[in-house]
Every structure is written in structure tokens, then in C-alpha cells.
Amino acid sequence: MNTLLPYYNFNKHLEAGVDEAGCGSLVGAVFAAAVILPFDFNDPRIRDSKKISPKKREALIEVIKDASIAYSIEMIQADEIDRVNILQARIRAMHLALERLHTQPKYIIVDGDRFHNYNDIPYTCITDGDNKYYSIAAASILAKTARDKYMLKLHNLYPQYGWDHNKGYGTKQHMEAIRLNGVCEFHRKSYEPIRLML
């Protein structure tokens, strides 16, 4: 049974859901997406991206884009993550995604528990929001699929790290590959496992 809700606020003001992908990865950019859906949106296929297979996530990209009033996907690269830290980079990516929406929302709901004011638009942080609200779940799908495609491109440059399947996370296989091949330009140098190897 699908229990996701269309809007956090039921005043029918346009509301954007925001989520990110790739915070815990040791490699590359962090991605964020913002999605504004119609108030009456209802599609039980849309849910937390982590609970959907890659094939189904891909099929839902166009469903989300077609249904959306507005959507945007943005990223912050690894060098900036190293400069400002991942929390600040995550929030910057979310702000950038909101900025690039062609229609600005009147309210923002954010997956997680940390966010900073964006253009004085009221917002609420919602823990496990991608399991509660369609717009956040839709944003999680767009951010996740965009980042996965990005990681496949990086994999083609550095196939020895196995990013086509570990997506840059600190799996046993990835850590062993780093020990054998060293750190590359796309690794996040401020992350402890990488920093300790430098």
C-alpha cells in the first residue's frame, strides 16, 4: 500500500520537494534535485529511490518530468566538497536546484534534518521524507539516476575502481582498488578513508 502524500501543506501553494544523492560516496559530485508536482498528483510507482530497482528508476524519469510543474537537477563537484565540507556542498546543490526551477515554489520540503534558508521561502526538513511525500521521492529518483549515469562516465575513465557497481562508496572492493591503484582526481580528498591514504 502506497502511503505517500502529495503535499506537506494543504493550502495548495506550490511546494517543492528536494533531495540529494551521493553524500556518502568517496568519489565525485553530490547531486540534488528539486521537483514541484501538481497538488493532485498520485502515482504509487513513485517512492524512495533506494526502494526501486535501477530499471524501474529509469522508467520513472520521464513520468516525473512529464507530470512536474517544474524540476531541476544540479551538482557540486568533489573539489568544492573538499573546500566547504559535504554538508555545505549538499545544501549548495539543493539551493542551486531550487534556483534553476523555472517556477519558484511558495514552500520547500527537504529530505533529512539540515537545510539553510533559501530566498526566505518557508521550509520544513523531514526525516525519511522520501518515504512520506511524492515530491521528495520524485526528487530522490531524479538525483539518484543522474548521479548513477555520472558515475558510469567516471567508471569509463577509471574502470579499475568498479564505480559501475559500487558508485564510489567505500565497499571492500573499492577500498582494495584504491590500495592497489592509489587515489585519482575524482576522489574526495577530505573524506577520512581517502585522506588517510594520501
N, C-alpha and C. Protein backbone atom coordinates (compact mmCIF):
# COMPACT_ATOMS: atom_id res chain seq x y z
N MET A 1 0.84 -1.20 0.00
CA MET A 1 0.00 0.00 0.00
C MET A 1 0.87 1.25 0.00
N ASN A 2 0.58 2.17 -0.93
CA ASN A 2 1.36 3.39 -1.03
C ASN A 2 0.80 4.44 -0.08
N THR A 3 1.65 5.01 0.75
CA THR A 3 1.18 5.96 1.76
C THR A 3 1.72 7.37 1.54
N LEU A 4 2.40 7.62 0.43
CA LEU A 4 2.95 8.93 0.19
C LEU A 4 1.85 9.97 -0.01
N LEU A 5 2.15 11.18 0.44
CA LEU A 5 1.20 12.29 0.33
C LEU A 5 1.66 13.27 -0.74
N PRO A 6 0.71 13.97 -1.38
CA PRO A 6 1.11 14.90 -2.43
C PRO A 6 1.80 16.16 -1.90
N TYR A 7 1.29 16.71 -0.82
CA TYR A 7 1.83 17.97 -0.30
C TYR A 7 1.93 17.91 1.23
N TYR A 8 2.93 18.59 1.75
CA TYR A 8 3.06 18.77 3.20
C TYR A 8 2.05 19.81 3.68
N ASN A 9 1.93 20.90 2.93
CA ASN A 9 0.94 21.95 3.22
C ASN A 9 -0.27 21.75 2.32
N PHE A 10 -1.43 21.82 2.88
CA PHE A 10 -2.63 21.58 2.09
C PHE A 10 -3.33 22.88 1.69
N ASN A 11 -2.54 23.96 1.59
CA ASN A 11 -3.12 25.22 1.15
C ASN A 11 -3.03 25.39 -0.36
N LYS A 12 -2.51 24.39 -1.03
CA LYS A 12 -2.39 24.35 -2.49
C LYS A 12 -1.41 25.37 -3.04
N HIS A 13 -0.56 25.96 -2.19
CA HIS A 13 0.55 26.75 -2.70
C HIS A 13 1.59 25.81 -3.29
N LEU A 14 2.25 26.25 -4.34
CA LEU A 14 3.24 25.39 -4.97
C LEU A 14 4.34 25.03 -3.98
N GLU A 15 4.64 23.74 -3.92
CA GLU A 15 5.59 23.22 -2.93
C GLU A 15 6.64 22.38 -3.65
N ALA A 16 7.90 22.66 -3.38
CA ALA A 16 8.99 21.90 -3.99
C ALA A 16 9.54 20.88 -3.01
N GLY A 17 9.72 19.66 -3.47
CA GLY A 17 10.42 18.64 -2.70
C GLY A 17 11.87 18.59 -3.16
N VAL A 18 12.79 18.44 -2.21
CA VAL A 18 14.21 18.47 -2.53
C VAL A 18 14.91 17.28 -1.88
N ASP A 19 15.81 16.65 -2.63
CA ASP A 19 16.60 15.55 -2.09
C ASP A 19 17.93 15.51 -2.80
N GLU A 20 18.88 14.75 -2.24
CA GLU A 20 20.21 14.65 -2.81
C GLU A 20 20.62 13.19 -2.96
N ALA A 21 21.71 13.01 -3.69
CA ALA A 21 22.28 11.67 -3.85
C ALA A 21 23.80 11.77 -3.87
N GLY A 22 24.44 10.86 -3.18
CA GLY A 22 25.89 10.77 -3.24
C GLY A 22 26.66 11.38 -2.10
N CYS A 23 26.00 11.74 -1.02
CA CYS A 23 26.72 12.34 0.11
C CYS A 23 27.76 11.39 0.69
N GLY A 24 27.43 10.13 0.79
CA GLY A 24 28.33 9.18 1.43
C GLY A 24 29.39 8.58 0.52
N SER A 25 29.31 8.89 -0.76
CA SER A 25 30.29 8.36 -1.70
C SER A 25 31.66 8.98 -1.46
N LEU A 26 32.69 8.25 -1.81
CA LEU A 26 34.06 8.75 -1.69
C LEU A 26 34.52 9.45 -2.95
N VAL A 27 33.63 9.51 -3.95
CA VAL A 27 34.04 9.93 -5.29
C VAL A 27 33.05 10.92 -5.89
N GLY A 28 33.59 11.91 -6.58
CA GLY A 28 32.80 12.73 -7.48
C GLY A 28 31.80 13.67 -6.85
N ALA A 29 30.89 14.14 -7.68
CA ALA A 29 29.94 15.17 -7.31
C ALA A 29 28.81 14.64 -6.43
N VAL A 30 28.23 15.54 -5.66
CA VAL A 30 26.97 15.27 -4.98
C VAL A 30 25.88 15.93 -5.84
N PHE A 31 24.78 15.23 -6.03
CA PHE A 31 23.68 15.70 -6.86
C PHE A 31 22.47 16.06 -6.00
N ALA A 32 21.71 17.04 -6.44
CA ALA A 32 20.45 17.39 -5.78
C ALA A 32 19.40 17.65 -6.84
N ALA A 33 18.17 17.34 -6.51
CA ALA A 33 17.05 17.62 -7.40
C ALA A 33 15.94 18.31 -6.63
N ALA A 34 15.21 19.16 -7.32
CA ALA A 34 14.03 19.82 -6.77
C ALA A 34 12.87 19.55 -7.73
N VAL A 35 11.71 19.22 -7.18
CA VAL A 35 10.55 18.87 -8.00
C VAL A 35 9.30 19.54 -7.43
N ILE A 36 8.54 20.17 -8.30
CA ILE A 36 7.21 20.68 -7.93
C ILE A 36 6.20 19.84 -8.69
N LEU A 37 5.33 19.17 -7.97
CA LEU A 37 4.29 18.33 -8.56
C LEU A 37 2.92 18.99 -8.39
N PRO A 38 1.97 18.63 -9.24
CA PRO A 38 0.61 19.14 -9.04
C PRO A 38 0.04 18.68 -7.70
N PHE A 39 -0.88 19.46 -7.18
CA PHE A 39 -1.45 19.15 -5.87
C PHE A 39 -2.14 17.80 -5.85
N ASP A 40 -2.73 17.40 -6.97
CA ASP A 40 -3.49 16.14 -7.01
C ASP A 40 -2.66 14.97 -7.54
N PHE A 41 -1.34 15.11 -7.59
CA PHE A 41 -0.50 14.04 -8.12
C PHE A 41 -0.65 12.77 -7.29
N ASN A 42 -0.74 11.64 -7.99
CA ASN A 42 -0.85 10.35 -7.30
C ASN A 42 -0.36 9.26 -8.25
N ASP A 43 0.77 8.66 -7.90
CA ASP A 43 1.31 7.57 -8.69
C ASP A 43 2.06 6.64 -7.74
N PRO A 44 1.51 5.48 -7.45
CA PRO A 44 2.11 4.58 -6.45
C PRO A 44 3.48 4.04 -6.85
N ARG A 45 3.89 4.25 -8.10
CA ARG A 45 5.23 3.81 -8.51
C ARG A 45 6.32 4.72 -7.96
N ILE A 46 5.95 5.95 -7.62
CA ILE A 46 6.92 6.92 -7.13
C ILE A 46 7.13 6.71 -5.64
N ARG A 47 8.36 6.39 -5.26
CA ARG A 47 8.73 6.25 -3.85
C ARG A 47 10.23 6.41 -3.71
N ASP A 48 10.72 6.25 -2.51
CA ASP A 48 12.14 6.40 -2.22
C ASP A 48 12.97 5.66 -3.28
N SER A 49 13.91 6.35 -3.91
CA SER A 49 14.69 5.75 -4.99
C SER A 49 15.44 4.50 -4.55
N LYS A 50 15.82 4.43 -3.26
CA LYS A 50 16.56 3.27 -2.77
C LYS A 50 15.70 2.01 -2.75
N LYS A 51 14.40 2.17 -2.85
CA LYS A 51 13.49 1.03 -2.80
C LYS A 51 13.00 0.62 -4.20
N ILE A 52 13.62 1.20 -5.22
CA ILE A 52 13.23 0.92 -6.60
C ILE A 52 14.44 0.40 -7.35
N SER A 53 14.25 -0.57 -8.20
CA SER A 53 15.36 -1.11 -8.98
C SER A 53 15.86 -0.07 -9.98
N PRO A 54 17.12 -0.16 -10.40
CA PRO A 54 17.63 0.79 -11.39
C PRO A 54 16.78 0.86 -12.66
N LYS A 55 16.30 -0.28 -13.14
CA LYS A 55 15.49 -0.30 -14.36
C LYS A 55 14.19 0.47 -14.15
N LYS A 56 13.55 0.28 -13.00
CA LYS A 56 12.31 0.99 -12.72
C LYS A 56 12.55 2.48 -12.50
N ARG A 57 13.68 2.82 -11.86
CA ARG A 57 14.01 4.24 -11.69
C ARG A 57 14.14 4.92 -13.04
N GLU A 58 14.82 4.26 -13.97
CA GLU A 58 14.99 4.84 -15.30
C GLU A 58 13.65 5.07 -15.98
N ALA A 59 12.74 4.11 -15.83
CA ALA A 59 11.42 4.24 -16.46
C ALA A 59 10.61 5.38 -15.87
N LEU A 60 10.90 5.73 -14.62
CA LEU A 60 10.12 6.77 -13.94
C LEU A 60 10.63 8.18 -14.20
N ILE A 61 11.80 8.30 -14.81
CA ILE A 61 12.34 9.64 -15.05
C ILE A 61 11.37 10.47 -15.89
N GLU A 62 10.94 9.94 -17.02
CA GLU A 62 10.04 10.69 -17.89
C GLU A 62 8.65 10.87 -17.27
N VAL A 63 8.22 9.90 -16.47
CA VAL A 63 6.93 10.05 -15.76
C VAL A 63 6.99 11.28 -14.86
N ILE A 64 8.08 11.41 -14.12
CA ILE A 64 8.23 12.54 -13.21
C ILE A 64 8.35 13.85 -13.98
N LYS A 65 9.19 13.86 -15.00
CA LYS A 65 9.39 15.09 -15.77
C LYS A 65 8.09 15.54 -16.45
N ASP A 66 7.35 14.60 -17.00
CA ASP A 66 6.09 14.94 -17.68
C ASP A 66 5.04 15.46 -16.70
N ALA A 67 5.01 14.89 -15.50
CA ALA A 67 3.99 15.28 -14.52
C ALA A 67 4.34 16.56 -13.78
N SER A 68 5.62 16.91 -13.72
CA SER A 68 6.08 18.02 -12.90
C SER A 68 5.63 19.37 -13.43
N ILE A 69 5.32 20.26 -12.52
CA ILE A 69 5.16 21.67 -12.86
C ILE A 69 6.53 22.26 -13.15
N ALA A 70 7.53 21.83 -12.39
CA ALA A 70 8.92 22.24 -12.61
C ALA A 70 9.83 21.22 -11.95
N TYR A 71 11.02 21.04 -12.52
CA TYR A 71 12.03 20.18 -11.90
C TYR A 71 13.41 20.69 -12.30
N SER A 72 14.40 20.33 -11.51
CA SER A 72 15.78 20.71 -11.79
C SER A 72 16.70 19.72 -11.11
N ILE A 73 17.83 19.46 -11.76
CA ILE A 73 18.86 18.58 -11.21
C ILE A 73 20.20 19.31 -11.30
N GLU A 74 20.91 19.41 -10.19
CA GLU A 74 22.19 20.12 -10.18
C GLU A 74 23.22 19.33 -9.38
N MET A 75 24.49 19.76 -9.47
CA MET A 75 25.53 19.04 -8.76
C MET A 75 26.62 19.99 -8.28
N ILE A 76 27.33 19.53 -7.27
CA ILE A 76 28.51 20.22 -6.75
C ILE A 76 29.68 19.24 -6.83
N GLN A 77 30.76 19.67 -7.45
CA GLN A 77 31.87 18.77 -7.73
C GLN A 77 32.72 18.47 -6.48
N ALA A 78 33.54 17.44 -6.60
CA ALA A 78 34.33 16.95 -5.47
C ALA A 78 35.29 17.99 -4.92
N ASP A 79 35.88 18.82 -5.79
CA ASP A 79 36.82 19.81 -5.27
C ASP A 79 36.14 20.83 -4.38
N GLU A 80 34.89 21.17 -4.71
CA GLU A 80 34.15 22.10 -3.84
C GLU A 80 33.72 21.40 -2.56
N ILE A 81 33.35 20.13 -2.64
CA ILE A 81 33.04 19.36 -1.44
C ILE A 81 34.23 19.40 -0.49
N ASP A 82 35.42 19.22 -1.04
CA ASP A 82 36.63 19.25 -0.21
C ASP A 82 36.88 20.63 0.40
N ARG A 83 36.49 21.67 -0.30
CA ARG A 83 36.71 23.03 0.21
C ARG A 83 35.74 23.40 1.32
N VAL A 84 34.46 23.02 1.15
CA VAL A 84 33.43 23.56 2.06
C VAL A 84 32.85 22.52 3.00
N ASN A 85 33.10 21.25 2.83
CA ASN A 85 32.58 20.07 3.51
C ASN A 85 31.27 19.60 2.89
N ILE A 86 30.94 18.34 3.12
CA ILE A 86 29.83 17.72 2.40
C ILE A 86 28.48 18.31 2.82
N LEU A 87 28.31 18.69 4.07
CA LEU A 87 27.03 19.28 4.48
C LEU A 87 26.77 20.56 3.71
N GLN A 88 27.77 21.45 3.66
CA GLN A 88 27.59 22.71 2.95
C GLN A 88 27.41 22.47 1.45
N ALA A 89 28.15 21.52 0.89
CA ALA A 89 28.03 21.21 -0.53
C ALA A 89 26.64 20.65 -0.85
N ARG A 90 26.14 19.80 0.02
CA ARG A 90 24.79 19.24 -0.15
C ARG A 90 23.76 20.35 -0.20
N ILE A 91 23.86 21.29 0.73
CA ILE A 91 22.89 22.38 0.78
C ILE A 91 23.06 23.32 -0.42
N ARG A 92 24.31 23.56 -0.83
CA ARG A 92 24.55 24.38 -2.03
C ARG A 92 23.92 23.73 -3.26
N ALA A 93 24.05 22.42 -3.38
CA ALA A 93 23.46 21.72 -4.52
C ALA A 93 21.94 21.85 -4.50
N MET A 94 21.34 21.75 -3.31
CA MET A 94 19.89 21.90 -3.19
C MET A 94 19.47 23.32 -3.55
N HIS A 95 20.21 24.32 -3.07
CA HIS A 95 19.89 25.70 -3.40
C HIS A 95 19.99 25.94 -4.90
N LEU A 96 21.02 25.37 -5.51
CA LEU A 96 21.19 25.54 -6.95
C LEU A 96 20.04 24.90 -7.72
N ALA A 97 19.61 23.72 -7.28
CA ALA A 97 18.47 23.07 -7.92
C ALA A 97 17.22 23.92 -7.80
N LEU A 98 16.99 24.51 -6.64
CA LEU A 98 15.83 25.39 -6.45
C LEU A 98 15.95 26.63 -7.33
N GLU A 99 17.14 27.18 -7.41
CA GLU A 99 17.36 28.39 -8.21
C GLU A 99 17.06 28.15 -9.68
N ARG A 100 17.34 26.94 -10.17
CA ARG A 100 17.16 26.64 -11.59
C ARG A 100 15.73 26.22 -11.95
N LEU A 101 14.84 26.10 -10.98
CA LEU A 101 13.44 25.82 -11.30
C LEU A 101 12.86 27.00 -12.09
N HIS A 102 12.14 26.71 -13.16
CA HIS A 102 11.57 27.81 -13.94
C HIS A 102 10.32 28.40 -13.28
N THR A 103 9.78 27.70 -12.29
CA THR A 103 8.70 28.20 -11.46
C THR A 103 9.14 28.11 -10.01
N GLN A 104 9.11 29.20 -9.29
CA GLN A 104 9.57 29.18 -7.91
C GLN A 104 8.45 28.75 -6.96
N PRO A 105 8.77 27.91 -5.98
CA PRO A 105 7.75 27.42 -5.05
C PRO A 105 7.45 28.45 -3.97
N LYS A 106 6.34 28.23 -3.29
CA LYS A 106 5.98 29.04 -2.12
C LYS A 106 6.38 28.36 -0.82
N TYR A 107 6.74 27.07 -0.93
CA TYR A 107 7.15 26.31 0.25
C TYR A 107 8.13 25.24 -0.23
N ILE A 108 9.03 24.81 0.66
CA ILE A 108 10.03 23.80 0.34
C ILE A 108 10.00 22.72 1.41
N ILE A 109 10.01 21.46 0.98
CA ILE A 109 10.19 20.35 1.91
C ILE A 109 11.46 19.61 1.52
N VAL A 110 12.28 19.32 2.52
CA VAL A 110 13.63 18.80 2.30
C VAL A 110 13.79 17.47 3.01
N ASP A 111 14.34 16.49 2.30
CA ASP A 111 14.63 15.22 2.96
C ASP A 111 15.80 15.39 3.92
N GLY A 112 15.66 14.88 5.13
CA GLY A 112 16.74 14.98 6.11
C GLY A 112 16.45 16.00 7.20
N ASP A 113 17.50 16.40 7.90
CA ASP A 113 17.30 17.27 9.05
C ASP A 113 18.12 18.55 9.01
N ARG A 114 18.78 18.84 7.86
CA ARG A 114 19.61 20.05 7.78
C ARG A 114 19.34 20.79 6.48
N PHE A 115 19.16 22.09 6.58
CA PHE A 115 18.94 22.94 5.42
C PHE A 115 19.21 24.37 5.86
N HIS A 116 19.46 25.26 4.90
CA HIS A 116 19.62 26.68 5.18
C HIS A 116 18.57 27.47 4.41
N ASN A 117 18.21 28.61 4.94
CA ASN A 117 17.23 29.47 4.30
C ASN A 117 17.55 29.70 2.83
N TYR A 118 16.54 29.58 1.98
CA TYR A 118 16.69 29.86 0.56
C TYR A 118 15.67 30.93 0.16
N ASN A 119 16.16 32.12 -0.13
CA ASN A 119 15.32 33.23 -0.59
C ASN A 119 14.12 33.51 0.31
N ASP A 120 14.29 33.24 1.59
CA ASP A 120 13.23 33.48 2.58
C ASP A 120 11.95 32.70 2.30
N ILE A 121 12.07 31.61 1.55
CA ILE A 121 10.91 30.74 1.32
C ILE A 121 10.78 29.80 2.51
N PRO A 122 9.61 29.71 3.12
CA PRO A 122 9.45 28.80 4.26
C PRO A 122 9.78 27.36 3.88
N TYR A 123 10.35 26.62 4.83
CA TYR A 123 10.71 25.24 4.54
C TYR A 123 10.57 24.38 5.78
N THR A 124 10.49 23.09 5.53
CA THR A 124 10.46 22.09 6.60
C THR A 124 11.39 20.95 6.23
N CYS A 125 12.26 20.55 7.15
CA CYS A 125 13.09 19.36 6.97
C CYS A 125 12.32 18.15 7.49
N ILE A 126 12.32 17.09 6.71
CA ILE A 126 11.53 15.92 7.05
C ILE A 126 12.41 14.67 7.00
N THR A 127 12.68 14.10 8.15
CA THR A 127 13.45 12.86 8.20
C THR A 127 12.68 11.76 7.50
N ASP A 128 13.37 11.03 6.62
CA ASP A 128 12.74 9.96 5.83
C ASP A 128 11.65 10.53 4.92
N GLY A 129 11.85 11.78 4.48
CA GLY A 129 10.85 12.45 3.66
C GLY A 129 10.58 11.76 2.34
N ASP A 130 11.59 11.05 1.80
CA ASP A 130 11.37 10.37 0.52
C ASP A 130 10.46 9.15 0.65
N ASN A 131 10.11 8.79 1.88
CA ASN A 131 9.12 7.74 2.11
C ASN A 131 7.76 8.31 2.51
N LYS A 132 7.66 9.65 2.51
CA LYS A 132 6.44 10.29 3.01
C LYS A 132 5.75 11.20 1.99
N TYR A 133 6.54 11.82 1.12
CA TYR A 133 5.97 12.82 0.21
C TYR A 133 6.45 12.58 -1.22
N TYR A 134 5.48 12.67 -2.14
CA TYR A 134 5.77 12.39 -3.55
C TYR A 134 6.88 13.27 -4.11
N SER A 135 6.84 14.57 -3.80
CA SER A 135 7.81 15.46 -4.43
C SER A 135 9.23 15.15 -3.99
N ILE A 136 9.41 14.78 -2.72
CA ILE A 136 10.75 14.40 -2.25
C ILE A 136 11.16 13.08 -2.87
N ALA A 137 10.25 12.12 -2.94
CA ALA A 137 10.56 10.83 -3.57
C ALA A 137 10.92 11.03 -5.04
N ALA A 138 10.18 11.90 -5.73
CA ALA A 138 10.49 12.18 -7.14
C ALA A 138 11.86 12.82 -7.26
N ALA A 139 12.18 13.75 -6.36
CA ALA A 139 13.50 14.38 -6.38
C ALA A 139 14.59 13.34 -6.11
N SER A 140 14.32 12.40 -5.22
CA SER A 140 15.33 11.37 -4.92
C SER A 140 15.60 10.51 -6.14
N ILE A 141 14.56 10.21 -6.92
CA ILE A 141 14.73 9.41 -8.13
C ILE A 141 15.54 10.17 -9.18
N LEU A 142 15.23 11.45 -9.40
CA LEU A 142 15.96 12.24 -10.39
C LEU A 142 17.42 12.41 -9.98
N ALA A 143 17.67 12.69 -8.70
CA ALA A 143 19.04 12.87 -8.24
C ALA A 143 19.82 11.57 -8.34
N LYS A 144 19.22 10.48 -7.93
CA LYS A 144 19.90 9.18 -7.94
C LYS A 144 20.23 8.72 -9.36
N THR A 145 19.27 8.82 -10.27
CA THR A 145 19.52 8.36 -11.64
C THR A 145 20.57 9.24 -12.32
N ALA A 146 20.52 10.54 -12.08
CA ALA A 146 21.52 11.45 -12.68
C ALA A 146 22.91 11.12 -12.16
N ARG A 147 23.01 10.87 -10.86
CA ARG A 147 24.33 10.57 -10.30
C ARG A 147 24.84 9.21 -10.78
N ASP A 148 23.95 8.23 -10.88
CA ASP A 148 24.39 6.92 -11.35
C ASP A 148 24.95 7.01 -12.78
N LYS A 149 24.31 7.82 -13.64
CA LYS A 149 24.81 7.99 -15.01
C LYS A 149 26.17 8.68 -15.00
N TYR A 150 26.30 9.66 -14.14
CA TYR A 150 27.57 10.36 -13.98
C TYR A 150 28.68 9.40 -13.53
N MET A 151 28.36 8.52 -12.58
CA MET A 151 29.36 7.57 -12.10
C MET A 151 29.76 6.56 -13.17
N LEU A 152 28.84 6.23 -14.07
CA LEU A 152 29.20 5.34 -15.17
C LEU A 152 30.20 6.01 -16.11
N LYS A 153 30.04 7.32 -16.31
CA LYS A 153 31.02 8.05 -17.14
C LYS A 153 32.39 8.06 -16.47
N LEU A 154 32.41 8.27 -15.16
CA LEU A 154 33.68 8.22 -14.45
C LEU A 154 34.29 6.81 -14.48
N HIS A 155 33.43 5.80 -14.41
CA HIS A 155 33.90 4.42 -14.49
C HIS A 155 34.62 4.16 -15.81
N ASN A 156 34.12 4.75 -16.89
CA ASN A 156 34.76 4.55 -18.19
C ASN A 156 36.17 5.15 -18.20
N LEU A 157 36.40 6.16 -17.38
CA LEU A 157 37.73 6.77 -17.28
C LEU A 157 38.65 5.96 -16.36
N TYR A 158 38.08 5.41 -15.29
CA TYR A 158 38.86 4.67 -14.29
C TYR A 158 38.17 3.35 -13.94
N PRO A 159 38.14 2.40 -14.87
CA PRO A 159 37.40 1.16 -14.63
C PRO A 159 37.95 0.31 -13.48
N GLN A 160 39.20 0.57 -13.09
CA GLN A 160 39.82 -0.26 -12.06
C GLN A 160 39.15 -0.14 -10.68
N TYR A 161 38.37 0.93 -10.48
CA TYR A 161 37.74 1.13 -9.16
C TYR A 161 36.34 0.51 -9.04
N GLY A 162 35.78 0.05 -10.15
CA GLY A 162 34.48 -0.61 -10.09
C GLY A 162 33.31 0.32 -9.81
N TRP A 163 33.41 1.56 -10.27
CA TRP A 163 32.34 2.53 -9.97
C TRP A 163 31.03 2.24 -10.69
N ASP A 164 31.07 1.33 -11.66
CA ASP A 164 29.83 0.97 -12.34
C ASP A 164 28.89 0.23 -11.41
N HIS A 165 29.43 -0.39 -10.36
CA HIS A 165 28.54 -1.07 -9.43
C HIS A 165 28.64 -0.56 -7.99
N ASN A 166 29.81 -0.04 -7.57
CA ASN A 166 29.85 0.48 -6.18
C ASN A 166 29.52 1.96 -6.09
N LYS A 167 29.44 2.63 -7.26
CA LYS A 167 29.05 4.06 -7.35
C LYS A 167 29.93 4.96 -6.47
N GLY A 168 31.14 4.51 -6.18
CA GLY A 168 32.07 5.33 -5.43
C GLY A 168 32.00 5.18 -3.93
N TYR A 169 31.11 4.34 -3.44
CA TYR A 169 31.00 4.13 -2.00
C TYR A 169 32.15 3.24 -1.51
N GLY A 170 32.39 3.27 -0.23
CA GLY A 170 33.55 2.61 0.34
C GLY A 170 33.39 1.12 0.55
N THR A 171 33.05 0.41 -0.49
CA THR A 171 32.94 -1.03 -0.40
C THR A 171 34.32 -1.66 -0.24
N LYS A 172 34.34 -2.90 0.16
CA LYS A 172 35.61 -3.62 0.33
C LYS A 172 36.38 -3.65 -0.99
N GLN A 173 35.66 -3.89 -2.08
CA GLN A 173 36.31 -3.96 -3.40
C GLN A 173 36.88 -2.61 -3.80
N HIS A 174 36.14 -1.54 -3.53
CA HIS A 174 36.61 -0.19 -3.88
C HIS A 174 37.84 0.18 -3.06
N MET A 175 37.81 -0.11 -1.77
CA MET A 175 38.95 0.23 -0.92
C MET A 175 40.20 -0.55 -1.33
N GLU A 176 40.01 -1.79 -1.72
CA GLU A 176 41.15 -2.59 -2.19
C GLU A 176 41.70 -2.01 -3.49
N ALA A 177 40.82 -1.56 -4.37
CA ALA A 177 41.25 -0.95 -5.64
C ALA A 177 42.05 0.32 -5.38
N ILE A 178 41.63 1.10 -4.37
CA ILE A 178 42.38 2.31 -4.01
C ILE A 178 43.77 1.94 -3.49
N ARG A 179 43.84 0.90 -2.68
CA ARG A 179 45.14 0.46 -2.16
C ARG A 179 46.08 0.02 -3.29
N LEU A 180 45.51 -0.61 -4.31
CA LEU A 180 46.32 -1.11 -5.41
C LEU A 180 46.69 -0.02 -6.41
N ASN A 181 45.75 0.91 -6.65
CA ASN A 181 45.92 1.89 -7.73
C ASN A 181 46.14 3.32 -7.27
N GLY A 182 45.98 3.54 -5.97
CA GLY A 182 46.11 4.90 -5.47
C GLY A 182 44.83 5.70 -5.64
N VAL A 183 44.91 6.96 -5.25
CA VAL A 183 43.77 7.87 -5.31
C VAL A 183 43.81 8.62 -6.64
N CYS A 184 42.64 8.82 -7.24
CA CYS A 184 42.59 9.55 -8.51
C CYS A 184 42.01 10.95 -8.31
N GLU A 185 41.93 11.71 -9.39
CA GLU A 185 41.48 13.10 -9.33
C GLU A 185 40.04 13.26 -8.85
N PHE A 186 39.23 12.22 -8.98
CA PHE A 186 37.81 12.34 -8.62
C PHE A 186 37.51 11.94 -7.18
N HIS A 187 38.46 11.38 -6.49
CA HIS A 187 38.23 11.03 -5.09
C HIS A 187 38.13 12.29 -4.23
N ARG A 188 37.28 12.23 -3.21
CA ARG A 188 37.10 13.34 -2.29
C ARG A 188 38.22 13.29 -1.25
N LYS A 189 39.15 14.19 -1.40
CA LYS A 189 40.37 14.13 -0.60
C LYS A 189 40.14 14.45 0.88
N SER A 190 39.03 15.10 1.20
CA SER A 190 38.75 15.46 2.60
C SER A 190 38.10 14.32 3.38
N TYR A 191 37.63 13.29 2.67
CA TYR A 191 37.00 12.16 3.35
C TYR A 191 38.07 11.30 4.02
N GLU A 192 37.80 10.89 5.23
CA GLU A 192 38.83 10.24 6.03
C GLU A 192 39.50 9.05 5.37
N PRO A 193 38.76 8.10 4.78
CA PRO A 193 39.46 6.95 4.19
C PRO A 193 40.45 7.37 3.10
N ILE A 194 40.10 8.41 2.35
CA ILE A 194 40.98 8.89 1.29
C ILE A 194 42.11 9.72 1.89
N ARG A 195 41.78 10.61 2.79
CA ARG A 195 42.78 11.48 3.42
C ARG A 195 43.89 10.65 4.08
N LEU A 196 43.52 9.56 4.71
CA LEU A 196 44.50 8.73 5.40
C LEU A 196 45.41 7.98 4.42
N MET A 197 44.97 7.84 3.18
CA MET A 197 45.78 7.14 2.18
C MET A 197 46.71 8.06 1.42
N LEU A 198 46.52 9.36 1.57
CA LEU A 198 47.35 10.32 0.84
C LEU A 198 48.69 10.53 1.53
